[in-house]
Amino acid sequence: MRDTMADPWERWARRCAGLTPQQWSTATRCRPWDVRGLVAHLCTNRAMVDMLTAALTDEPAAVTDAVEMLRRFNAPGRIAHTPAGGIADPATAVPAIR
């Protein structure tokens, strides 16, 4: 998993490193998060990657299409809605990323 994710995470890091203070504070569609809060939410810590790596199985994936995954994730009563406040509060409290 780490090898698979290395390239997109490195590109993400380069993109974030080039953001100006104004860009970090730009509003997003994921209110109340600005860019800083959204990045803090998406950039999980190493323990999260370790947990995902440990969760790998030999079973086929239940969902292999990104659009279908987002439909399931965002469906009423699913994870995008039920813990949203509990996720948003800590992410918006994260100190400025530098």
PDB file of N, CA and C in Angstrom:
ATOM      1  N   MET A   1       0.826  -1.188   0.000  1.00  0.00           N
ATOM      2  CA  MET A   1       0.000   0.000   0.000  1.00  0.00           C
ATOM      3  C   MET A   1       0.875   1.259   0.000  1.00  0.00           C
ATOM      4  N   ARG A   2       1.915   1.258   0.828  1.00  0.00           N
ATOM      5  CA  ARG A   2       2.783   2.442   0.873  1.00  0.00           C
ATOM      6  C   ARG A   2       3.369   2.743  -0.500  1.00  0.00           C
ATOM      7  N   ASP A   3       3.816   1.701  -1.202  1.00  0.00           N
ATOM      8  CA  ASP A   3       4.399   1.918  -2.528  1.00  0.00           C
ATOM      9  C   ASP A   3       3.357   2.481  -3.491  1.00  0.00           C
ATOM     10  N   THR A   4       2.135   1.972  -3.406  1.00  0.00           N
ATOM     11  CA  THR A   4       1.063   2.430  -4.277  1.00  0.00           C
ATOM     12  C   THR A   4       0.732   3.896  -4.023  1.00  0.00           C
ATOM     13  N   MET A   5       0.757   4.303  -2.759  1.00  0.00           N
ATOM     14  CA  MET A   5       0.372   5.665  -2.397  1.00  0.00           C
ATOM     15  C   MET A   5       1.522   6.671  -2.452  1.00  0.00           C
ATOM     16  N   ALA A   6       2.759   6.211  -2.577  1.00  0.00           N
ATOM     17  CA  ALA A   6       3.911   7.117  -2.507  1.00  0.00           C
ATOM     18  C   ALA A   6       3.850   8.231  -3.551  1.00  0.00           C
ATOM     19  N   ASP A   7       3.600   7.899  -4.799  1.00  0.00           N
ATOM     20  CA  ASP A   7       3.605   8.913  -5.851  1.00  0.00           C
ATOM     21  C   ASP A   7       2.520   9.973  -5.658  1.00  0.00           C
ATOM     22  N   PRO A   8       1.250   9.583  -5.455  1.00  0.00           N
ATOM     23  CA  PRO A   8       0.248  10.642  -5.269  1.00  0.00           C
ATOM     24  C   PRO A   8       0.498  11.482  -4.013  1.00  0.00           C
ATOM     25  N   TRP A   9       0.992  10.876  -2.936  1.00  0.00           N
ATOM     26  CA  TRP A   9       1.268  11.658  -1.724  1.00  0.00           C
ATOM     27  C   TRP A   9       2.422  12.626  -1.950  1.00  0.00           C
ATOM     28  N   GLU A  10       3.429  12.209  -2.694  1.00  0.00           N
ATOM     29  CA  GLU A  10       4.550  13.114  -2.985  1.00  0.00           C
ATOM     30  C   GLU A  10       4.077  14.285  -3.853  1.00  0.00           C
ATOM     31  N   ARG A  11       3.221  14.012  -4.825  1.00  0.00           N
ATOM     32  CA  ARG A  11       2.676  15.093  -5.653  1.00  0.00           C
ATOM     33  C   ARG A  11       1.812  16.026  -4.813  1.00  0.00           C
ATOM     34  N   TRP A  12       1.018  15.467  -3.924  1.00  0.00           N
ATOM     35  CA  TRP A  12       0.180  16.248  -3.019  1.00  0.00           C
ATOM     36  C   TRP A  12       1.058  17.144  -2.146  1.00  0.00           C
ATOM     37  N   ALA A  13       2.152  16.593  -1.611  1.00  0.00           N
ATOM     38  CA  ALA A  13       3.059  17.367  -0.755  1.00  0.00           C
ATOM     39  C   ALA A  13       3.694  18.521  -1.528  1.00  0.00           C
ATOM     40  N   ARG A  14       4.118  18.259  -2.758  1.00  0.00           N
ATOM     41  CA  ARG A  14       4.713  19.334  -3.579  1.00  0.00           C
ATOM     42  C   ARG A  14       3.688  20.429  -3.849  1.00  0.00           C
ATOM     43  N   ARG A  15       2.461  20.049  -4.137  1.00  0.00           N
ATOM     44  CA  ARG A  15       1.411  21.040  -4.417  1.00  0.00           C
ATOM     45  C   ARG A  15       1.133  21.878  -3.179  1.00  0.00           C
ATOM     46  N   CYS A  16       1.018  21.234  -2.035  1.00  0.00           N
ATOM     47  CA  CYS A  16       0.740  21.965  -0.794  1.00  0.00           C
ATOM     48  C   CYS A  16       1.906  22.862  -0.407  1.00  0.00           C
ATOM     49  N   ALA A  17       3.118  22.433  -0.663  1.00  0.00           N
ATOM     50  CA  ALA A  17       4.293  23.237  -0.313  1.00  0.00           C
ATOM     51  C   ALA A  17       4.317  24.556  -1.077  1.00  0.00           C
ATOM     52  N   GLY A  18       3.663  24.598  -2.227  1.00  0.00           N
ATOM     53  CA  GLY A  18       3.661  25.810  -3.039  1.00  0.00           C
ATOM     54  C   GLY A  18       2.498  26.755  -2.774  1.00  0.00           C
ATOM     55  N   LEU A  19       1.605  26.406  -1.838  1.00  0.00           N
ATOM     56  CA  LEU A  19       0.450  27.257  -1.565  1.00  0.00           C
ATOM     57  C   LEU A  19       0.860  28.511  -0.791  1.00  0.00           C
ATOM     58  N   THR A  20       0.231  29.614  -1.141  1.00  0.00           N
ATOM     59  CA  THR A  20       0.477  30.877  -0.436  1.00  0.00           C
ATOM     60  C   THR A  20      -0.416  30.929   0.807  1.00  0.00           C
ATOM     61  N   PRO A  21      -0.118  31.831   1.760  1.00  0.00           N
ATOM     62  CA  PRO A  21      -1.008  31.980   2.924  1.00  0.00           C
ATOM     63  C   PRO A  21      -2.460  32.247   2.518  1.00  0.00           C
ATOM     64  N   GLN A  22      -2.656  33.038   1.478  1.00  0.00           N
ATOM     65  CA  GLN A  22      -4.019  33.319   1.010  1.00  0.00           C
ATOM     66  C   GLN A  22      -4.684  32.046   0.489  1.00  0.00           C
ATOM     67  N   GLN A  23      -3.957  31.229  -0.256  1.00  0.00           N
ATOM     68  CA  GLN A  23      -4.528  29.991  -0.775  1.00  0.00           C
ATOM     69  C   GLN A  23      -4.878  29.019   0.354  1.00  0.00           C
ATOM     70  N   TRP A  24      -4.062  28.960   1.412  1.00  0.00           N
ATOM     71  CA  TRP A  24      -4.351  28.088   2.556  1.00  0.00           C
ATOM     72  C   TRP A  24      -5.672  28.472   3.218  1.00  0.00           C
ATOM     73  N   SER A  25      -6.017  29.744   3.188  1.00  0.00           N
ATOM     74  CA  SER A  25      -7.232  30.184   3.864  1.00  0.00           C
ATOM     75  C   SER A  25      -8.434  30.304   2.920  1.00  0.00           C
ATOM     76  N   THR A  26      -8.304  29.846   1.696  1.00  0.00           N
ATOM     77  CA  THR A  26      -9.400  29.886   0.730  1.00  0.00           C
ATOM     78  C   THR A  26     -10.524  28.932   1.152  1.00  0.00           C
ATOM     79  N   ALA A  27     -11.758  29.377   1.028  1.00  0.00           N
ATOM     80  CA  ALA A  27     -12.921  28.540   1.354  1.00  0.00           C
ATOM     81  C   ALA A  27     -13.006  27.360   0.390  1.00  0.00           C
ATOM     82  N   THR A  28     -13.582  26.261   0.861  1.00  0.00           N
ATOM     83  CA  THR A  28     -13.803  25.086   0.012  1.00  0.00           C
ATOM     84  C   THR A  28     -15.295  24.766  -0.008  1.00  0.00           C
ATOM     85  N   ARG A  29     -15.677  23.811  -0.818  1.00  0.00           N
ATOM     86  CA  ARG A  29     -17.069  23.360  -0.848  1.00  0.00           C
ATOM     87  C   ARG A  29     -17.400  22.540   0.398  1.00  0.00           C
ATOM     88  N   CYS A  30     -16.391  22.135   1.155  1.00  0.00           N
ATOM     89  CA  CYS A  30     -16.589  21.339   2.366  1.00  0.00           C
ATOM     90  C   CYS A  30     -16.637  22.260   3.580  1.00  0.00           C
ATOM     91  N   ARG A  31     -17.671  23.090   3.644  1.00  0.00           N
ATOM     92  CA  ARG A  31     -17.790  24.044   4.741  1.00  0.00           C
ATOM     93  C   ARG A  31     -17.939  23.326   6.068  1.00  0.00           C
ATOM     94  N   PRO A  32     -17.325  23.804   7.115  1.00  0.00           N
ATOM     95  CA  PRO A  32     -16.698  25.106   7.263  1.00  0.00           C
ATOM     96  C   PRO A  32     -15.202  25.107   6.956  1.00  0.00           C
ATOM     97  N   TRP A  33     -14.701  24.064   6.317  1.00  0.00           N
ATOM     98  CA  TRP A  33     -13.269  23.939   6.106  1.00  0.00           C
ATOM     99  C   TRP A  33     -12.750  24.883   5.035  1.00  0.00           C
ATOM    100  N   ASP A  34     -11.624  25.492   5.341  1.00  0.00           N
ATOM    101  CA  ASP A  34     -10.857  26.177   4.310  1.00  0.00           C
ATOM    102  C   ASP A  34      -9.854  25.148   3.781  1.00  0.00           C
ATOM    103  N   VAL A  35      -8.959  25.552   2.899  1.00  0.00           N
ATOM    104  CA  VAL A  35      -7.996  24.604   2.328  1.00  0.00           C
ATOM    105  C   VAL A  35      -7.174  23.962   3.442  1.00  0.00           C
ATOM    106  N   ARG A  36      -6.741  24.745   4.424  1.00  0.00           N
ATOM    107  CA  ARG A  36      -5.928  24.219   5.529  1.00  0.00           C
ATOM    108  C   ARG A  36      -6.668  23.094   6.259  1.00  0.00           C
ATOM    109  N   GLY A  37      -7.937  23.318   6.603  1.00  0.00           N
ATOM    110  CA  GLY A  37      -8.719  22.318   7.312  1.00  0.00           C
ATOM    111  C   GLY A  37      -8.955  21.067   6.479  1.00  0.00           C
ATOM    112  N   LEU A  38      -9.197  21.259   5.185  1.00  0.00           N
ATOM    113  CA  LEU A  38      -9.435  20.115   4.307  1.00  0.00           C
ATOM    114  C   LEU A  38      -8.170  19.275   4.156  1.00  0.00           C
ATOM    115  N   VAL A  39      -7.023  19.930   4.007  1.00  0.00           N
ATOM    116  CA  VAL A  39      -5.758  19.202   3.907  1.00  0.00           C
ATOM    117  C   VAL A  39      -5.490  18.450   5.207  1.00  0.00           C
ATOM    118  N   ALA A  40      -5.751  19.091   6.337  1.00  0.00           N
ATOM    119  CA  ALA A  40      -5.550  18.428   7.628  1.00  0.00           C
ATOM    120  C   ALA A  40      -6.423  17.182   7.729  1.00  0.00           C
ATOM    121  N   HIS A  41      -7.630  17.249   7.199  1.00  0.00           N
ATOM    122  CA  HIS A  41      -8.541  16.099   7.210  1.00  0.00           C
ATOM    123  C   HIS A  41      -8.033  14.980   6.299  1.00  0.00           C
ATOM    124  N   LEU A  42      -7.528  15.335   5.142  1.00  0.00           N
ATOM    125  CA  LEU A  42      -7.111  14.335   4.161  1.00  0.00           C
ATOM    126  C   LEU A  42      -5.739  13.744   4.428  1.00  0.00           C
ATOM    127  N   CYS A  43      -4.870  14.503   5.041  1.00  0.00           N
ATOM    128  CA  CYS A  43      -3.500  14.043   5.285  1.00  0.00           C
ATOM    129  C   CYS A  43      -3.436  13.361   6.640  1.00  0.00           C
ATOM    130  N   THR A  44      -3.816  12.121   6.646  1.00  0.00           N
ATOM    131  CA  THR A  44      -3.818  11.367   7.891  1.00  0.00           C
ATOM    132  C   THR A  44      -2.398  11.080   8.355  1.00  0.00           C
ATOM    133  N   ASN A  45      -2.285  10.661   9.575  1.00  0.00           N
ATOM    134  CA  ASN A  45      -0.961  10.355  10.108  1.00  0.00           C
ATOM    135  C   ASN A  45      -0.505   8.953   9.686  1.00  0.00           C
ATOM    136  N   ARG A  46       0.730   8.641   9.996  1.00  0.00           N
ATOM    137  CA  ARG A  46       1.309   7.363   9.587  1.00  0.00           C
ATOM    138  C   ARG A  46       0.536   6.179  10.172  1.00  0.00           C
ATOM    139  N   ALA A  47       0.013   6.340  11.382  1.00  0.00           N
ATOM    140  CA  ALA A  47      -0.742   5.251  12.006  1.00  0.00           C
ATOM    141  C   ALA A  47      -1.945   4.852  11.157  1.00  0.00           C
ATOM    142  N   MET A  48      -2.575   5.825  10.485  1.00  0.00           N
ATOM    143  CA  MET A  48      -3.708   5.523   9.618  1.00  0.00           C
ATOM    144  C   MET A  48      -3.264   4.679   8.434  1.00  0.00           C
ATOM    145  N   VAL A  49      -2.134   5.011   7.834  1.00  0.00           N
ATOM    146  CA  VAL A  49      -1.613   4.223   6.711  1.00  0.00           C
ATOM    147  C   VAL A  49      -1.277   2.816   7.188  1.00  0.00           C
ATOM    148  N   ASP A  50      -0.682   2.696   8.370  1.00  0.00           N
ATOM    149  CA  ASP A  50      -0.370   1.374   8.922  1.00  0.00           C
ATOM    150  C   ASP A  50      -1.643   0.563   9.123  1.00  0.00           C
ATOM    151  N   MET A  51      -2.699   1.211   9.622  1.00  0.00           N
ATOM    152  CA  MET A  51      -3.967   0.517   9.835  1.00  0.00           C
ATOM    153  C   MET A  51      -4.538   0.021   8.503  1.00  0.00           C
ATOM    154  N   LEU A  52      -4.478   0.867   7.472  1.00  0.00           N
ATOM    155  CA  LEU A  52      -4.998   0.466   6.170  1.00  0.00           C
ATOM    156  C   LEU A  52      -4.180  -0.680   5.580  1.00  0.00           C
ATOM    157  N   THR A  53      -2.861  -0.615   5.755  1.00  0.00           N
ATOM    158  CA  THR A  53      -1.996  -1.689   5.263  1.00  0.00           C
ATOM    159  C   THR A  53      -2.351  -2.999   5.951  1.00  0.00           C
ATOM    160  N   ALA A  54      -2.576  -2.952   7.260  1.00  0.00           N
ATOM    161  CA  ALA A  54      -2.919  -4.152   8.015  1.00  0.00           C
ATOM    162  C   ALA A  54      -4.286  -4.703   7.626  1.00  0.00           C
ATOM    163  N   ALA A  55      -5.142  -3.855   7.075  1.00  0.00           N
ATOM    164  CA  ALA A  55      -6.499  -4.269   6.720  1.00  0.00           C
ATOM    165  C   ALA A  55      -6.575  -4.963   5.356  1.00  0.00           C
ATOM    166  N   LEU A  56      -5.478  -5.019   4.621  1.00  0.00           N
ATOM    167  CA  LEU A  56      -5.492  -5.657   3.308  1.00  0.00           C
ATOM    168  C   LEU A  56      -5.865  -7.131   3.431  1.00  0.00           C
ATOM    169  N   THR A  57      -6.669  -7.595   2.498  1.00  0.00           N
ATOM    170  CA  THR A  57      -7.070  -9.002   2.481  1.00  0.00           C
ATOM    171  C   THR A  57      -6.878  -9.552   1.080  1.00  0.00           C
ATOM    172  N   ASP A  58      -7.047 -10.842   0.969  1.00  0.00           N
ATOM    173  CA  ASP A  58      -6.973 -11.484  -0.341  1.00  0.00           C
ATOM    174  C   ASP A  58      -8.336 -11.505  -1.026  1.00  0.00           C
ATOM    175  N   GLU A  59      -9.350 -11.020  -0.344  1.00  0.00           N
ATOM    176  CA  GLU A  59     -10.702 -11.007  -0.899  1.00  0.00           C
ATOM    177  C   GLU A  59     -10.799  -9.938  -1.986  1.00  0.00           C
ATOM    178  N   PRO A  60     -11.639 -10.147  -2.988  1.00  0.00           N
ATOM    179  CA  PRO A  60     -11.831  -9.110  -4.010  1.00  0.00           C
ATOM    180  C   PRO A  60     -12.486  -7.873  -3.395  1.00  0.00           C
ATOM    181  N   ALA A  61     -12.182  -6.719  -3.945  1.00  0.00           N
ATOM    182  CA  ALA A  61     -12.751  -5.466  -3.450  1.00  0.00           C
ATOM    183  C   ALA A  61     -14.250  -5.429  -3.702  1.00  0.00           C
ATOM    184  N   ALA A  62     -14.995  -4.945  -2.717  1.00  0.00           N
ATOM    185  CA  ALA A  62     -16.444  -4.825  -2.870  1.00  0.00           C
ATOM    186  C   ALA A  62     -16.785  -3.713  -3.850  1.00  0.00           C
ATOM    187  N   VAL A  63     -15.946  -2.674  -3.908  1.00  0.00           N
ATOM    188  CA  VAL A  63     -16.164  -1.542  -4.812  1.00  0.00           C
ATOM    189  C   VAL A  63     -14.839  -1.247  -5.498  1.00  0.00           C
ATOM    190  N   THR A  64     -14.864  -1.174  -6.818  1.00  0.00           N
ATOM    191  CA  THR A  64     -13.636  -0.901  -7.567  1.00  0.00           C
ATOM    192  C   THR A  64     -13.726   0.372  -8.400  1.00  0.00           C
ATOM    193  N   ASP A  65     -14.840   1.052  -8.312  1.00  0.00           N
ATOM    194  CA  ASP A  65     -15.075   2.259  -9.088  1.00  0.00           C
ATOM    195  C   ASP A  65     -15.148   3.458  -8.142  1.00  0.00           C
ATOM    196  N   ALA A  66     -14.351   4.501  -8.383  1.00  0.00           N
ATOM    197  CA  ALA A  66     -14.308   5.663  -7.496  1.00  0.00           C
ATOM    198  C   ALA A  66     -15.657   6.370  -7.409  1.00  0.00           C
ATOM    199  N   VAL A  67     -16.373   6.444  -8.502  1.00  0.00           N
ATOM    200  CA  VAL A  67     -17.678   7.113  -8.488  1.00  0.00           C
ATOM    201  C   VAL A  67     -18.643   6.348  -7.589  1.00  0.00           C
ATOM    202  N   GLU A  68     -18.658   5.032  -7.702  1.00  0.00           N
ATOM    203  CA  GLU A  68     -19.531   4.218  -6.857  1.00  0.00           C
ATOM    204  C   GLU A  68     -19.121   4.324  -5.388  1.00  0.00           C
ATOM    205  N   MET A  69     -17.831   4.374  -5.124  1.00  0.00           N
ATOM    206  CA  MET A  69     -17.354   4.514  -3.756  1.00  0.00           C
ATOM    207  C   MET A  69     -17.865   5.819  -3.144  1.00  0.00           C
ATOM    208  N   LEU A  70     -17.756   6.914  -3.901  1.00  0.00           N
ATOM    209  CA  LEU A  70     -18.238   8.205  -3.392  1.00  0.00           C
ATOM    210  C   LEU A  70     -19.750   8.230  -3.231  1.00  0.00           C
ATOM    211  N   ARG A  71     -20.478   7.554  -4.123  1.00  0.00           N
ATOM    212  CA  ARG A  71     -21.941   7.477  -3.966  1.00  0.00           C
ATOM    213  C   ARG A  71     -22.291   6.792  -2.654  1.00  0.00           C
ATOM    214  N   ARG A  72     -21.612   5.690  -2.365  1.00  0.00           N
ATOM    215  CA  ARG A  72     -21.874   4.975  -1.120  1.00  0.00           C
ATOM    216  C   ARG A  72     -21.466   5.819   0.088  1.00  0.00           C
ATOM    217  N   PHE A  73     -20.318   6.429   0.001  1.00  0.00           N
ATOM    218  CA  PHE A  73     -19.792   7.244   1.092  1.00  0.00           C
ATOM    219  C   PHE A  73     -20.723   8.404   1.414  1.00  0.00           C
ATOM    220  N   ASN A  74     -21.270   9.049   0.382  1.00  0.00           N
ATOM    221  CA  ASN A  74     -22.091  10.247   0.545  1.00  0.00           C
ATOM    222  C   ASN A  74     -23.585   9.984   0.653  1.00  0.00           C
ATOM    223  N   ALA A  75     -24.007   8.736   0.595  1.00  0.00           N
ATOM    224  CA  ALA A  75     -25.433   8.423   0.685  1.00  0.00           C
ATOM    225  C   ALA A  75     -25.972   8.846   2.053  1.00  0.00           C
ATOM    226  N   PRO A  76     -27.244   9.292   2.110  1.00  0.00           N
ATOM    227  CA  PRO A  76     -27.835   9.688   3.396  1.00  0.00           C
ATOM    228  C   PRO A  76     -27.681   8.567   4.426  1.00  0.00           C
ATOM    229  N   GLY A  77     -27.265   8.964   5.617  1.00  0.00           N
ATOM    230  CA  GLY A  77     -27.095   7.998   6.699  1.00  0.00           C
ATOM    231  C   GLY A  77     -25.778   7.245   6.678  1.00  0.00           C
ATOM    232  N   ARG A  78     -24.948   7.492   5.665  1.00  0.00           N
ATOM    233  CA  ARG A  78     -23.660   6.795   5.593  1.00  0.00           C
ATOM    234  C   ARG A  78     -22.570   7.656   6.214  1.00  0.00           C
ATOM    235  N   ILE A  79     -21.347   7.202   6.124  1.00  0.00           N
ATOM    236  CA  ILE A  79     -20.243   7.774   6.880  1.00  0.00           C
ATOM    237  C   ILE A  79     -19.974   9.258   6.606  1.00  0.00           C
ATOM    238  N   ALA A  80     -20.268   9.757   5.434  1.00  0.00           N
ATOM    239  CA  ALA A  80     -20.030  11.182   5.161  1.00  0.00           C
ATOM    240  C   ALA A  80     -20.937  12.069   6.004  1.00  0.00           C
ATOM    241  N   HIS A  81     -22.043  11.523   6.481  1.00  0.00           N
ATOM    242  CA  HIS A  81     -22.999  12.322   7.244  1.00  0.00           C
ATOM    243  C   HIS A  81     -22.993  12.001   8.730  1.00  0.00           C
ATOM    244  N   THR A  82     -22.938  10.747   9.091  1.00  0.00           N
ATOM    245  CA  THR A  82     -23.100  10.382  10.495  1.00  0.00           C
ATOM    246  C   THR A  82     -22.000  10.919  11.406  1.00  0.00           C
ATOM    247  N   PRO A  83     -20.692  10.792  11.067  1.00  0.00           N
ATOM    248  CA  PRO A  83     -19.678  11.345  11.970  1.00  0.00           C
ATOM    249  C   PRO A  83     -19.123  12.680  11.501  1.00  0.00           C
ATOM    250  N   ALA A  84     -19.798  13.357  10.598  1.00  0.00           N
ATOM    251  CA  ALA A  84     -19.231  14.557   9.971  1.00  0.00           C
ATOM    252  C   ALA A  84     -18.773  15.596  10.982  1.00  0.00           C
ATOM    253  N   GLY A  85     -19.588  15.903  11.978  1.00  0.00           N
ATOM    254  CA  GLY A  85     -19.195  16.895  12.974  1.00  0.00           C
ATOM    255  C   GLY A  85     -17.989  16.468  13.771  1.00  0.00           C
ATOM    256  N   GLY A  86     -17.932  15.195  14.125  1.00  0.00           N
ATOM    257  CA  GLY A  86     -16.799  14.679  14.886  1.00  0.00           C
ATOM    258  C   GLY A  86     -15.509  14.682  14.097  1.00  0.00           C
ATOM    259  N   ILE A  87     -15.604  14.681  12.796  1.00  0.00           N
ATOM    260  CA  ILE A  87     -14.413  14.755  11.942  1.00  0.00           C
ATOM    261  C   ILE A  87     -14.066  16.214  11.682  1.00  0.00           C
ATOM    262  N   ALA A  88     -15.059  17.033  11.438  1.00  0.00           N
ATOM    263  CA  ALA A  88     -14.813  18.430  11.084  1.00  0.00           C
ATOM    264  C   ALA A  88     -14.193  19.205  12.247  1.00  0.00           C
ATOM    265  N   ASP A  89     -14.676  18.989  13.455  1.00  0.00           N
ATOM    266  CA  ASP A  89     -14.180  19.769  14.590  1.00  0.00           C
ATOM    267  C   ASP A  89     -12.661  19.612  14.804  1.00  0.00           C
ATOM    268  N   PRO A  90     -12.137  18.389  14.890  1.00  0.00           N
ATOM    269  CA  PRO A  90     -10.683  18.269  15.073  1.00  0.00           C
ATOM    270  C   PRO A  90      -9.893  18.781  13.872  1.00  0.00           C
ATOM    271  N   ALA A  91     -10.423  18.570  12.661  1.00  0.00           N
ATOM    272  CA  ALA A  91      -9.677  18.995  11.466  1.00  0.00           C
ATOM    273  C   ALA A  91      -9.569  20.511  11.395  1.00  0.00           C
ATOM    274  N   THR A  92     -10.620  21.219  11.777  1.00  0.00           N
ATOM    275  CA  THR A  92     -10.556  22.676  11.731  1.00  0.00           C
ATOM    276  C   THR A  92      -9.757  23.244  12.898  1.00  0.00           C
ATOM    277  N   ALA A  93      -9.482  22.419  13.923  1.00  0.00           N
ATOM    278  CA  ALA A  93      -8.700  22.874  15.066  1.00  0.00           C
ATOM    279  C   ALA A  93      -7.202  22.634  14.877  1.00  0.00           C
ATOM    280  N   VAL A  94      -6.809  21.944  13.810  1.00  0.00           N
ATOM    281  CA  VAL A  94      -5.409  21.645  13.570  1.00  0.00           C
ATOM    282  C   VAL A  94      -4.640  22.952  13.347  1.00  0.00           C
ATOM    283  N   PRO A  95      -3.473  23.108  13.992  1.00  0.00           N
ATOM    284  CA  PRO A  95      -2.698  24.334  13.767  1.00  0.00           C
ATOM    285  C   PRO A  95      -2.323  24.476  12.297  1.00  0.00           C
ATOM    286  N   ALA A  96      -2.000  25.676  11.907  1.00  0.00           N
ATOM    287  CA  ALA A  96      -1.636  25.966  10.514  1.00  0.00           C
ATOM    288  C   ALA A  96      -0.543  25.034  10.039  1.00  0.00           C
ATOM    289  N   ILE A  97      -0.716  24.507   8.854  1.00  0.00           N
ATOM    290  CA  ILE A  97       0.293  23.655   8.222  1.00  0.00           C
ATOM    291  C   ILE A  97       1.308  24.550   7.558  1.00  0.00           C
ATOM    292  N   ARG A  98       2.524  24.295   7.809  1.00  0.00           N
ATOM    293  CA  ARG A  98       3.590  25.124   7.239  1.00  0.00           C
ATOM    294  C   ARG A  98       4.548  24.281   6.448  1.00  0.00           C
TER     295      ARG A  98
END
